[in-house]
Every structure is written in C-alpha cells, then in structure tokens.
Amino acid sequence: MISQRFRKSSRLIQQSMGEITHVVQEAIEGQRVVKIFCAQDVESRAFDQVNARNLKQAMKKATAAAINVPVVELLAAIGVAIAIYFAMQQSSAGHLTAGEFTSYITAMGLMMPPSSA
C-alpha cells in the first residue's frame, strides 16, 4: 500500500517537474514576446501554479515516507507482543525461565531477514 503511494507520488512529481520545465522553457525561449506584451506577470503566475502543484506532490510523498516507518514498527511490535503472549501460554503454568525467554526472543529475531540499511 505504501509502495503504491510512493510510486504514484514519484510519477506525479516527475510530471509536475516536466510541467515546470515546460513553463520555464516557454518563458526563456519567448522572452522577447513576453517583454513586448508585458506578460511577465502571466508567466510568473503560470510558474507559481506549476511550482505549487510540484510542492503539493512532494509533500504527499514526504507524508507517506514519514508515516511508513512508525506504522511498520507498530505492526512489528504488535507481532512480537502476540508471539510472546502465545509463548507464555504454551509454557508450563504460564511461566518461562530467563533462558527459555531469551532463546525464544533470539529465535524470533533470527527469523527476520536482515535489513538492507
């Protein structure tokens, strides 16, 4: 879900950067026409509009990135808590020794793939 949002945001950012490039290119190539017709304000407003769209798309991507890490960590913590709960229920009389608890947590940690950071 988050990766789909990243891809969509990245695609929209690329499109908005293309729009910015187009507006800037038109203004630079047609600067004589812009000056003759005193259209500097029109070109400035057009640039501001496409730049605002680009900012909006960049903020959406930043928001998705900021939400991603805490959500994944929360899900992982819930999974660990559930696993510990079931381990406690499976042990005799609901008590684990320190060694059993440590080996259980170590085994859970070894099941996770290494991070690529």
N, C-alpha and C. Protein backbone atom coordinates (compact mmCIF):
# COMPACT_ATOMS: atom_id res chain seq x y z
N MET A 1 0.83 -1.19 0.00
CA MET A 1 0.00 0.00 0.00
C MET A 1 0.87 1.26 0.00
N ILE A 2 1.86 1.29 0.89
CA ILE A 2 2.74 2.45 0.95
C ILE A 2 3.59 2.53 -0.30
N SER A 3 4.07 1.38 -0.80
CA SER A 3 4.91 1.41 -2.01
C SER A 3 4.11 1.90 -3.21
N GLN A 4 2.83 1.56 -3.28
CA GLN A 4 1.99 2.07 -4.37
C GLN A 4 1.86 3.58 -4.27
N ARG A 5 1.72 4.06 -3.04
CA ARG A 5 1.60 5.51 -2.84
C ARG A 5 2.91 6.21 -3.23
N PHE A 6 4.05 5.59 -2.88
CA PHE A 6 5.35 6.14 -3.27
C PHE A 6 5.47 6.22 -4.79
N ARG A 7 5.11 5.13 -5.46
CA ARG A 7 5.21 5.12 -6.92
C ARG A 7 4.32 6.18 -7.56
N LYS A 8 3.09 6.28 -7.06
CA LYS A 8 2.16 7.27 -7.59
C LYS A 8 2.70 8.68 -7.34
N SER A 9 3.19 8.93 -6.13
CA SER A 9 3.73 10.25 -5.81
C SER A 9 4.94 10.57 -6.67
N SER A 10 5.83 9.59 -6.85
CA SER A 10 7.01 9.80 -7.68
C SER A 10 6.63 10.12 -9.12
N ARG A 11 5.65 9.40 -9.64
CA ARG A 11 5.20 9.65 -11.01
C ARG A 11 4.61 11.05 -11.14
N LEU A 12 3.79 11.45 -10.16
CA LEU A 12 3.18 12.78 -10.21
C LEU A 12 4.22 13.89 -10.03
N ILE A 13 5.25 13.64 -9.23
CA ILE A 13 6.32 14.62 -9.08
C ILE A 13 7.08 14.76 -10.39
N GLN A 14 7.35 13.65 -11.06
CA GLN A 14 8.03 13.72 -12.36
C GLN A 14 7.19 14.51 -13.37
N GLN A 15 5.89 14.28 -13.37
CA GLN A 15 5.01 15.02 -14.28
C GLN A 15 5.03 16.51 -13.96
N SER A 16 4.98 16.85 -12.67
CA SER A 16 4.97 18.27 -12.31
C SER A 16 6.31 18.92 -12.61
N MET A 17 7.41 18.17 -12.49
CA MET A 17 8.71 18.72 -12.87
C MET A 17 8.76 18.96 -14.38
N GLY A 18 8.13 18.08 -15.13
CA GLY A 18 8.03 18.29 -16.58
C GLY A 18 7.24 19.55 -16.90
N GLU A 19 6.16 19.78 -16.15
CA GLU A 19 5.37 21.00 -16.35
C GLU A 19 6.19 22.24 -16.02
N ILE A 20 6.96 22.17 -14.93
CA ILE A 20 7.81 23.32 -14.56
C ILE A 20 8.83 23.58 -15.66
N THR A 21 9.46 22.53 -16.14
CA THR A 21 10.44 22.67 -17.21
C THR A 21 9.81 23.28 -18.45
N HIS A 22 8.60 22.84 -18.79
CA HIS A 22 7.89 23.36 -19.95
C HIS A 22 7.61 24.86 -19.81
N VAL A 23 7.11 25.27 -18.64
CA VAL A 23 6.78 26.67 -18.41
C VAL A 23 8.04 27.54 -18.47
N VAL A 24 9.11 27.06 -17.84
CA VAL A 24 10.36 27.82 -17.84
C VAL A 24 10.93 27.91 -19.26
N GLN A 25 10.88 26.82 -19.98
CA GLN A 25 11.39 26.82 -21.36
C GLN A 25 10.61 27.79 -22.23
N GLU A 26 9.28 27.79 -22.10
CA GLU A 26 8.47 28.74 -22.88
C GLU A 26 8.83 30.19 -22.55
N ALA A 27 9.01 30.48 -21.26
CA ALA A 27 9.33 31.84 -20.85
C ALA A 27 10.69 32.27 -21.35
N ILE A 28 11.66 31.37 -21.32
CA ILE A 28 13.01 31.72 -21.77
C ILE A 28 13.06 31.87 -23.28
N GLU A 29 12.48 30.93 -24.01
CA GLU A 29 12.52 30.99 -25.48
C GLU A 29 11.67 32.13 -26.02
N GLY A 30 10.61 32.49 -25.31
CA GLY A 30 9.74 33.55 -25.81
C GLY A 30 9.87 34.84 -25.02
N GLN A 31 11.08 35.10 -24.51
CA GLN A 31 11.24 36.27 -23.65
C GLN A 31 10.98 37.59 -24.39
N ARG A 32 11.28 37.64 -25.67
CA ARG A 32 11.00 38.88 -26.44
C ARG A 32 9.51 39.13 -26.52
N VAL A 33 8.76 38.05 -26.80
CA VAL A 33 7.31 38.18 -26.89
C VAL A 33 6.73 38.55 -25.53
N VAL A 34 7.26 37.94 -24.48
CA VAL A 34 6.79 38.24 -23.13
C VAL A 34 7.03 39.71 -22.82
N LYS A 35 8.21 40.22 -23.18
CA LYS A 35 8.54 41.62 -22.92
C LYS A 35 7.68 42.56 -23.76
N ILE A 36 7.47 42.20 -25.01
CA ILE A 36 6.68 43.07 -25.91
C ILE A 36 5.26 43.23 -25.38
N PHE A 37 4.66 42.14 -24.92
CA PHE A 37 3.28 42.18 -24.46
C PHE A 37 3.16 42.38 -22.93
N CYS A 38 4.28 42.69 -22.28
CA CYS A 38 4.30 42.91 -20.82
C CYS A 38 3.59 41.75 -20.09
N ALA A 39 3.98 40.54 -20.44
CA ALA A 39 3.33 39.35 -19.89
C ALA A 39 4.16 38.69 -18.79
N GLN A 40 5.02 39.46 -18.16
CA GLN A 40 5.85 38.89 -17.10
C GLN A 40 4.99 38.35 -15.96
N ASP A 41 3.92 39.10 -15.62
CA ASP A 41 3.05 38.64 -14.53
C ASP A 41 2.34 37.34 -14.90
N VAL A 42 1.94 37.22 -16.15
CA VAL A 42 1.26 35.99 -16.60
C VAL A 42 2.22 34.80 -16.49
N GLU A 43 3.44 34.99 -16.96
CA GLU A 43 4.42 33.90 -16.88
C GLU A 43 4.78 33.58 -15.44
N SER A 44 4.87 34.59 -14.61
CA SER A 44 5.18 34.38 -13.19
C SER A 44 4.06 33.59 -12.50
N ARG A 45 2.81 33.94 -12.81
CA ARG A 45 1.68 33.20 -12.23
C ARG A 45 1.65 31.76 -12.72
N ALA A 46 1.94 31.54 -14.00
CA ALA A 46 1.96 30.18 -14.54
C ALA A 46 3.04 29.35 -13.84
N PHE A 47 4.21 29.97 -13.63
CA PHE A 47 5.27 29.25 -12.92
C PHE A 47 4.87 28.97 -11.48
N ASP A 48 4.27 29.94 -10.81
CA ASP A 48 3.84 29.74 -9.42
C ASP A 48 2.83 28.60 -9.31
N GLN A 49 1.93 28.49 -10.28
CA GLN A 49 0.91 27.43 -10.25
C GLN A 49 1.54 26.05 -10.38
N VAL A 50 2.42 25.88 -11.37
CA VAL A 50 3.03 24.55 -11.55
C VAL A 50 3.99 24.23 -10.40
N ASN A 51 4.63 25.26 -9.87
CA ASN A 51 5.53 25.05 -8.73
C ASN A 51 4.74 24.64 -7.49
N ALA A 52 3.57 25.23 -7.29
CA ALA A 52 2.71 24.87 -6.15
C ALA A 52 2.23 23.42 -6.28
N ARG A 53 1.90 22.99 -7.50
CA ARG A 53 1.50 21.60 -7.71
C ARG A 53 2.65 20.65 -7.39
N ASN A 54 3.85 21.03 -7.80
CA ASN A 54 5.02 20.21 -7.51
C ASN A 54 5.26 20.12 -6.00
N LEU A 55 5.12 21.23 -5.30
CA LEU A 55 5.29 21.23 -3.85
C LEU A 55 4.25 20.32 -3.19
N LYS A 56 3.02 20.39 -3.66
CA LYS A 56 1.95 19.56 -3.10
C LYS A 56 2.27 18.08 -3.26
N GLN A 57 2.76 17.69 -4.44
CA GLN A 57 3.10 16.30 -4.69
C GLN A 57 4.29 15.88 -3.83
N ALA A 58 5.27 16.74 -3.69
CA ALA A 58 6.44 16.42 -2.85
C ALA A 58 6.04 16.26 -1.39
N MET A 59 5.10 17.07 -0.93
CA MET A 59 4.64 16.97 0.45
C MET A 59 3.86 15.67 0.68
N LYS A 60 3.08 15.25 -0.33
CA LYS A 60 2.36 13.98 -0.21
C LYS A 60 3.34 12.82 -0.08
N LYS A 61 4.41 12.86 -0.87
CA LYS A 61 5.41 11.79 -0.80
C LYS A 61 6.13 11.83 0.54
N ALA A 62 6.46 13.01 1.03
CA ALA A 62 7.13 13.12 2.32
C ALA A 62 6.23 12.62 3.45
N THR A 63 4.94 12.90 3.35
CA THR A 63 3.99 12.43 4.35
C THR A 63 3.93 10.90 4.36
N ALA A 64 3.85 10.31 3.18
CA ALA A 64 3.81 8.85 3.09
C ALA A 64 5.10 8.24 3.66
N ALA A 65 6.23 8.86 3.38
CA ALA A 65 7.51 8.35 3.90
C ALA A 65 7.56 8.48 5.42
N ALA A 66 7.04 9.58 5.95
CA ALA A 66 7.06 9.80 7.39
C ALA A 66 6.14 8.83 8.13
N ILE A 67 5.05 8.46 7.50
CA ILE A 67 4.09 7.55 8.13
C ILE A 67 4.57 6.10 8.04
N ASN A 68 5.32 5.77 7.02
CA ASN A 68 5.71 4.39 6.75
C ASN A 68 6.47 3.76 7.91
N VAL A 69 7.52 4.39 8.40
CA VAL A 69 8.37 3.79 9.43
C VAL A 69 7.61 3.52 10.73
N PRO A 70 6.87 4.49 11.28
CA PRO A 70 6.16 4.20 12.53
C PRO A 70 5.10 3.09 12.38
N VAL A 71 4.44 3.04 11.26
CA VAL A 71 3.42 2.01 11.05
C VAL A 71 4.07 0.63 11.01
N VAL A 72 5.17 0.50 10.30
CA VAL A 72 5.86 -0.80 10.23
C VAL A 72 6.37 -1.20 11.61
N GLU A 73 6.93 -0.24 12.35
CA GLU A 73 7.42 -0.55 13.69
C GLU A 73 6.28 -0.95 14.62
N LEU A 74 5.15 -0.29 14.51
CA LEU A 74 3.99 -0.64 15.33
C LEU A 74 3.51 -2.06 15.02
N LEU A 75 3.42 -2.39 13.75
CA LEU A 75 3.00 -3.74 13.36
C LEU A 75 3.98 -4.79 13.86
N ALA A 76 5.27 -4.49 13.77
CA ALA A 76 6.28 -5.43 14.26
C ALA A 76 6.16 -5.61 15.78
N ALA A 77 5.94 -4.51 16.49
CA ALA A 77 5.80 -4.60 17.95
C ALA A 77 4.57 -5.40 18.34
N ILE A 78 3.49 -5.22 17.62
CA ILE A 78 2.27 -6.00 17.89
C ILE A 78 2.53 -7.48 17.63
N GLY A 79 3.23 -7.77 16.54
CA GLY A 79 3.56 -9.17 16.23
C GLY A 79 4.43 -9.80 17.31
N VAL A 80 5.42 -9.07 17.79
CA VAL A 80 6.29 -9.60 18.86
C VAL A 80 5.48 -9.81 20.13
N ALA A 81 4.62 -8.85 20.46
CA ALA A 81 3.79 -8.98 21.66
C ALA A 81 2.88 -10.21 21.58
N ILE A 82 2.29 -10.44 20.43
CA ILE A 82 1.42 -11.61 20.25
C ILE A 82 2.23 -12.90 20.37
N ALA A 83 3.41 -12.90 19.77
CA ALA A 83 4.25 -14.10 19.85
C ALA A 83 4.66 -14.38 21.29
N ILE A 84 5.01 -13.35 22.04
CA ILE A 84 5.38 -13.54 23.45
C ILE A 84 4.18 -14.04 24.25
N TYR A 85 3.02 -13.49 23.97
CA TYR A 85 1.80 -13.93 24.67
C TYR A 85 1.56 -15.42 24.45
N PHE A 86 1.66 -15.86 23.21
CA PHE A 86 1.43 -17.28 22.93
C PHE A 86 2.54 -18.15 23.51
N ALA A 87 3.76 -17.64 23.56
CA ALA A 87 4.84 -18.41 24.17
C ALA A 87 4.57 -18.59 25.66
N MET A 88 4.08 -17.54 26.29
CA MET A 88 3.76 -17.63 27.72
C MET A 88 2.62 -18.63 27.95
N GLN A 89 1.65 -18.66 27.05
CA GLN A 89 0.52 -19.58 27.19
C GLN A 89 0.94 -21.03 26.97
N GLN A 90 1.93 -21.24 26.12
CA GLN A 90 2.36 -22.60 25.79
C GLN A 90 3.28 -23.19 26.85
N SER A 91 3.94 -22.35 27.59
CA SER A 91 4.87 -22.88 28.59
C SER A 91 4.09 -23.46 29.76
N SER A 92 4.75 -24.26 30.52
CA SER A 92 4.08 -24.90 31.66
C SER A 92 3.74 -23.87 32.72
N ALA A 93 2.48 -23.83 33.12
CA ALA A 93 1.95 -22.93 34.16
C ALA A 93 2.10 -21.45 33.79
N GLY A 94 2.36 -21.14 32.54
CA GLY A 94 2.43 -19.74 32.11
C GLY A 94 3.71 -19.03 32.49
N HIS A 95 4.74 -19.75 32.93
CA HIS A 95 6.00 -19.11 33.31
C HIS A 95 7.13 -19.64 32.45
N LEU A 96 7.96 -18.74 32.02
CA LEU A 96 9.15 -19.11 31.28
C LEU A 96 10.37 -18.80 32.13
N THR A 97 11.38 -19.63 32.01
CA THR A 97 12.63 -19.27 32.66
C THR A 97 13.31 -18.19 31.85
N ALA A 98 14.29 -17.55 32.42
CA ALA A 98 15.01 -16.50 31.71
C ALA A 98 15.70 -17.05 30.47
N GLY A 99 16.24 -18.24 30.57
CA GLY A 99 16.91 -18.86 29.43
C GLY A 99 15.93 -19.20 28.31
N GLU A 100 14.77 -19.74 28.67
CA GLU A 100 13.76 -20.06 27.65
C GLU A 100 13.27 -18.79 26.96
N PHE A 101 13.03 -17.76 27.75
CA PHE A 101 12.57 -16.50 27.18
C PHE A 101 13.61 -15.92 26.23
N THR A 102 14.87 -15.93 26.63
CA THR A 102 15.95 -15.39 25.79
C THR A 102 16.08 -16.20 24.50
N SER A 103 16.03 -17.52 24.61
CA SER A 103 16.16 -18.34 23.40
C SER A 103 14.96 -18.14 22.48
N TYR A 104 13.79 -17.93 23.02
CA TYR A 104 12.60 -17.69 22.21
C TYR A 104 12.72 -16.37 21.46
N ILE A 105 13.11 -15.31 22.14
CA ILE A 105 13.27 -14.00 21.50
C ILE A 105 14.39 -14.05 20.46
N THR A 106 15.47 -14.75 20.77
CA THR A 106 16.58 -14.88 19.81
C THR A 106 16.10 -15.61 18.56
N ALA A 107 15.35 -16.69 18.73
CA ALA A 107 14.84 -17.44 17.58
C ALA A 107 13.91 -16.56 16.73
N MET A 108 13.10 -15.73 17.39
CA MET A 108 12.23 -14.83 16.63
C MET A 108 13.05 -13.82 15.84
N GLY A 109 14.09 -13.31 16.45
CA GLY A 109 14.95 -12.34 15.77
C GLY A 109 15.68 -12.94 14.58
N LEU A 110 16.06 -14.21 14.69
CA LEU A 110 16.76 -14.88 13.59
C LEU A 110 15.83 -15.20 12.42
N MET A 111 14.53 -15.23 12.67
CA MET A 111 13.58 -15.49 11.58
C MET A 111 13.40 -14.29 10.68
N MET A 112 13.70 -13.09 11.18
CA MET A 112 13.54 -11.87 10.38
C MET A 112 14.71 -11.72 9.40
N PRO A 113 14.43 -11.25 8.20
CA PRO A 113 15.52 -11.04 7.24
C PRO A 113 16.37 -9.84 7.68
N PRO A 114 17.65 -9.84 7.34
CA PRO A 114 18.50 -8.71 7.72
C PRO A 114 18.07 -7.46 6.95
N SER A 115 18.19 -6.32 7.60
CA SER A 115 17.82 -5.06 6.93
C SER A 115 18.92 -4.69 5.95
N SER A 116 18.55 -3.96 4.93
CA SER A 116 19.50 -3.57 3.89
C SER A 116 20.03 -2.17 4.11
N ALA A 117 19.97 -1.67 5.32
CA ALA A 117 20.40 -0.30 5.60
C ALA A 117 21.87 -0.18 5.68
